[in-house]
Amino acid sequence: MSDYFSKTRIEYAKGSLDESSVERSPFDHFRVWFDEAVEKESNEPNACALATVGSDLQPAVRYVLLKSFDTRGLVFFSNYNSFKGKQIAENGRAALVFYWPNMERQVRAEGRVELLSAEETDSYFYTRPRDSQFGSAVSLQSQVAASREVIEKAMHDLRAQVGDGVVPRPSHWGGYRVIPHRFEFWQGRENRLHDRIQYMLVDNGAWKIERLWP
């Protein structure tokens, strides 16, 4: 058995987090941290793990790319017929985790999920590179494919069919917005006594800010 686990240990010492100095809104604090991540993380700071669970109660997790956020929630895009799409349709709740190792930070967000409007989805779809538009239009996401050649042929056939025209945005592809009722901001600290600040949405629409034990 590898001795990696017993010999490798990183001491976190790049920052601290205090409930008295965080922004009053978790969206404002997320924006501050996200802007710093864009500056300091070299590889897709908008990547986040998305956890969903369907009616069978078996959780599933995968990485997606955050494409926008505001006080309404956190937005990503996918195929509605994908595995994640089916679980969201069955359950309607999800969790996101961002990890920014260069800053020794994590952010968690949990809440319900809503579909973006067709207009919002179209607005994003047609900013994508043309080949990415074709990829989304042709993909039978999460279904079994007989071979790589079958996938590439489907892409080739759609390109030939569309030619120089507008790539049709499929009705089964679009945006999701996670509307959090809970955020957690995690800052690594020495001796594993990490700083954890939780925001919980309360009945009057305000956010309750609390420190959690590490």
Protein backbone atom coordinates (compact mmCIF):
# COMPACT_ATOMS: atom_id res chain seq x y z
CA MET A 1 0.00 0.00 0.00
CA SER A 2 1.27 3.47 -0.87
CA ASP A 3 2.68 5.52 1.99
CA TYR A 4 1.44 8.72 0.29
CA PHE A 5 -1.41 9.13 2.75
CA SER A 6 0.73 8.93 5.87
CA LYS A 7 3.63 11.06 4.58
CA THR A 8 1.81 13.80 2.70
CA ARG A 9 0.36 16.64 4.73
CA ILE A 10 -0.16 20.26 3.75
CA GLU A 11 -0.45 22.90 6.45
CA TYR A 12 -2.98 25.57 5.48
CA ALA A 13 -1.78 29.10 6.30
CA LYS A 14 -2.84 31.44 3.50
CA GLY A 15 -5.77 33.21 5.09
CA SER A 16 -8.46 33.50 7.72
CA LEU A 17 -12.18 34.12 7.80
CA ASP A 18 -14.21 35.83 10.51
CA GLU A 19 -17.97 36.14 10.79
CA SER A 20 -17.66 39.79 11.79
CA SER A 21 -15.88 40.79 8.58
CA VAL A 22 -17.69 38.77 5.87
CA GLU A 23 -20.19 40.41 3.54
CA ARG A 24 -23.76 40.43 4.85
CA SER A 25 -25.00 38.67 1.70
CA PRO A 26 -23.46 35.33 0.70
CA PHE A 27 -23.75 36.36 -2.96
CA ASP A 28 -21.62 39.42 -2.27
CA HIS A 29 -19.03 37.34 -0.43
CA PHE A 30 -19.06 34.74 -3.19
CA ARG A 31 -18.39 37.48 -5.74
CA VAL A 32 -15.37 38.68 -3.74
CA TRP A 33 -13.93 35.17 -3.50
CA PHE A 34 -14.78 34.28 -7.09
CA ASP A 35 -13.04 37.41 -8.42
CA GLU A 36 -9.95 36.46 -6.40
CA ALA A 37 -10.12 32.90 -7.74
CA VAL A 38 -10.20 34.21 -11.32
CA GLU A 39 -6.92 36.02 -10.58
CA LYS A 40 -5.16 33.26 -8.65
CA GLU A 41 -6.46 29.92 -9.95
CA SER A 42 -4.99 28.93 -13.31
CA ASN A 43 -7.42 26.17 -14.26
CA GLU A 44 -11.14 26.94 -14.63
CA PRO A 45 -11.99 28.67 -11.33
CA ASN A 46 -15.66 28.34 -12.34
CA ALA A 47 -15.49 24.53 -12.16
CA CYS A 48 -17.64 23.08 -9.38
CA ALA A 49 -18.83 19.68 -8.24
CA LEU A 50 -22.58 19.28 -8.68
CA ALA A 51 -24.36 16.74 -6.47
CA THR A 52 -27.87 15.53 -7.29
CA VAL A 53 -30.10 12.71 -6.10
CA GLY A 54 -33.08 11.15 -7.82
CA SER A 55 -36.10 9.21 -6.63
CA ASP A 56 -33.95 6.14 -5.91
CA LEU A 57 -32.02 8.22 -3.31
CA GLN A 58 -28.67 7.28 -4.86
CA PRO A 59 -26.52 10.44 -4.91
CA ALA A 60 -24.41 11.27 -7.95
CA VAL A 61 -21.73 13.93 -8.37
CA ARG A 62 -19.82 15.37 -11.31
CA TYR A 63 -18.08 18.59 -12.30
CA VAL A 64 -19.85 21.32 -14.24
CA LEU A 65 -18.90 24.87 -15.16
CA LEU A 66 -20.60 27.82 -13.50
CA LYS A 67 -21.66 30.18 -16.28
CA SER A 68 -23.18 33.08 -14.35
CA PHE A 69 -24.45 34.09 -10.92
CA ASP A 70 -26.35 36.90 -9.27
CA THR A 71 -28.66 37.26 -6.29
CA ARG A 72 -31.12 34.89 -7.97
CA GLY A 73 -28.69 31.97 -7.87
CA LEU A 74 -25.88 30.05 -9.59
CA VAL A 75 -26.27 29.00 -13.23
CA PHE A 76 -24.96 26.05 -15.25
CA PHE A 77 -26.11 24.40 -18.49
CA SER A 78 -26.75 20.80 -19.48
CA ASN A 79 -28.91 18.36 -21.40
CA TYR A 80 -32.27 17.92 -19.66
CA ASN A 81 -32.22 14.23 -20.64
CA SER A 82 -28.82 13.60 -19.07
CA PHE A 83 -28.48 11.62 -15.85
CA LYS A 84 -28.18 14.82 -13.83
CA GLY A 85 -31.14 16.31 -15.67
CA LYS A 86 -33.35 13.35 -14.82
CA GLN A 87 -32.32 13.45 -11.16
CA ILE A 88 -33.06 17.17 -10.98
CA ALA A 89 -36.47 16.57 -12.58
CA GLU A 90 -37.23 13.91 -9.95
CA ASN A 91 -35.93 15.75 -6.91
CA GLY A 92 -35.50 19.45 -7.72
CA ARG A 93 -32.62 20.01 -5.31
CA ALA A 94 -28.85 20.13 -5.72
CA ALA A 95 -25.58 21.07 -4.04
CA LEU A 96 -22.48 22.73 -5.49
CA VAL A 97 -18.90 22.76 -4.19
CA PHE A 98 -16.12 25.03 -5.44
CA TYR A 99 -12.51 24.23 -4.47
CA TRP A 100 -9.74 26.77 -4.99
CA PRO A 101 -6.50 25.12 -3.79
CA ASN A 102 -4.21 28.07 -4.48
CA MET A 103 -6.23 30.09 -1.96
CA GLU A 104 -7.00 27.11 0.33
CA ARG A 105 -10.72 27.82 0.03
CA GLN A 106 -13.97 25.99 -0.58
CA VAL A 107 -17.52 27.23 -1.07
CA ARG A 108 -20.62 25.07 -0.69
CA ALA A 109 -24.11 26.03 -1.84
CA GLU A 110 -27.30 24.00 -1.40
CA GLY A 111 -30.82 24.69 -2.60
CA ARG A 112 -33.62 24.09 -5.03
CA VAL A 113 -33.17 24.14 -8.81
CA GLU A 114 -35.19 25.90 -11.49
CA LEU A 115 -34.93 25.91 -15.28
CA LEU A 116 -33.83 29.07 -17.04
CA SER A 117 -36.26 30.53 -19.53
CA ALA A 118 -35.85 29.68 -23.22
CA GLU A 119 -34.78 33.29 -23.81
CA GLU A 120 -32.03 33.09 -21.18
CA THR A 121 -30.83 29.76 -22.56
CA ASP A 122 -30.78 31.02 -26.16
CA SER A 123 -28.85 34.10 -25.06
CA TYR A 124 -26.10 31.89 -23.69
CA PHE A 125 -26.23 29.15 -26.34
CA TYR A 126 -25.43 31.54 -29.17
CA THR A 127 -22.38 32.95 -27.39
CA ARG A 128 -20.76 29.50 -27.43
CA PRO A 129 -18.22 28.55 -30.11
CA ARG A 130 -20.02 27.14 -33.14
CA ASP A 131 -18.53 23.67 -32.69
CA SER A 132 -19.72 23.64 -29.08
CA GLN A 133 -23.20 24.49 -30.33
CA PHE A 134 -23.04 21.49 -32.65
CA GLY A 135 -21.75 19.32 -29.80
CA SER A 136 -24.68 20.20 -27.56
CA ALA A 137 -27.19 19.83 -30.39
CA VAL A 138 -26.04 16.35 -31.40
CA SER A 139 -25.27 14.79 -28.02
CA LEU A 140 -27.53 12.12 -26.53
CA GLN A 141 -25.90 12.86 -23.20
CA SER A 142 -25.51 9.97 -20.74
CA GLN A 143 -26.93 7.41 -23.18
CA VAL A 144 -24.84 4.42 -24.26
CA ALA A 145 -22.91 4.98 -27.52
CA ALA A 146 -21.94 2.03 -29.70
CA SER A 147 -18.59 3.61 -30.57
CA ARG A 148 -16.70 6.88 -30.89
CA GLU A 149 -17.27 6.68 -34.62
CA VAL A 150 -21.04 6.83 -34.11
CA ILE A 151 -20.66 10.07 -32.14
CA GLU A 152 -18.35 11.67 -34.68
CA LYS A 153 -20.64 10.66 -37.57
CA ALA A 154 -23.61 12.29 -35.86
CA MET A 155 -21.58 15.49 -35.51
CA HIS A 156 -20.51 15.32 -39.17
CA ASP A 157 -24.06 14.70 -40.36
CA LEU A 158 -25.46 17.64 -38.41
CA ARG A 159 -22.76 19.96 -39.71
CA ALA A 160 -23.60 18.88 -43.26
CA GLN A 161 -27.32 19.38 -42.63
CA VAL A 162 -26.96 22.86 -41.12
CA GLY A 163 -24.20 24.11 -43.41
CA ASP A 164 -23.66 27.82 -42.85
CA GLY A 165 -27.05 28.25 -41.19
CA VAL A 166 -27.94 28.80 -37.57
CA VAL A 167 -27.31 25.80 -35.35
CA PRO A 168 -30.66 24.83 -33.81
CA ARG A 169 -30.60 24.91 -30.04
CA PRO A 170 -32.26 21.64 -29.01
CA SER A 171 -35.31 21.99 -26.78
CA HIS A 172 -33.83 19.40 -24.40
CA TRP A 173 -30.74 21.51 -23.65
CA GLY A 174 -30.69 24.54 -21.40
CA GLY A 175 -29.82 26.30 -18.20
CA TYR A 176 -30.36 25.46 -14.56
CA ARG A 177 -30.29 27.90 -11.67
CA VAL A 178 -29.45 26.65 -8.18
CA ILE A 179 -31.26 28.90 -5.68
CA PRO A 180 -29.41 28.40 -2.41
CA HIS A 181 -30.90 28.44 1.04
CA ARG A 182 -27.48 27.66 2.52
CA PHE A 183 -23.91 28.71 1.77
CA GLU A 184 -20.72 27.70 3.54
CA PHE A 185 -17.38 29.47 3.09
CA TRP A 186 -14.34 27.43 4.15
CA GLN A 187 -10.86 28.82 4.66
CA GLY A 188 -8.05 26.40 5.47
CA ARG A 189 -6.20 27.10 8.72
CA GLU A 190 -3.30 25.67 10.68
CA ASN A 191 -3.67 22.41 12.62
CA ARG A 192 -6.89 21.63 10.74
CA LEU A 193 -8.76 24.27 12.78
CA HIS A 194 -10.33 25.61 9.61
CA ASP A 195 -12.60 28.64 9.46
CA ARG A 196 -16.14 27.75 8.41
CA ILE A 197 -18.76 30.47 8.04
CA GLN A 198 -22.33 29.43 7.27
CA TYR A 199 -25.13 31.55 5.82
CA MET A 200 -28.66 30.23 6.35
CA LEU A 201 -31.70 31.80 4.73
CA VAL A 202 -34.35 32.56 7.36
CA ASP A 203 -38.09 33.18 7.08
CA ASN A 204 -37.90 36.94 6.49
CA GLY A 205 -35.50 36.55 3.57
CA ALA A 206 -32.47 37.61 5.58
CA TRP A 207 -29.30 35.57 5.97
CA LYS A 208 -28.21 34.26 9.37
CA ILE A 209 -24.41 34.11 9.67
CA GLU A 210 -22.80 31.56 11.99
CA ARG A 211 -19.41 30.01 12.63
CA LEU A 212 -19.18 26.21 12.45
CA TRP A 213 -16.72 23.99 14.21
CA PRO A 214 -14.02 22.73 11.82
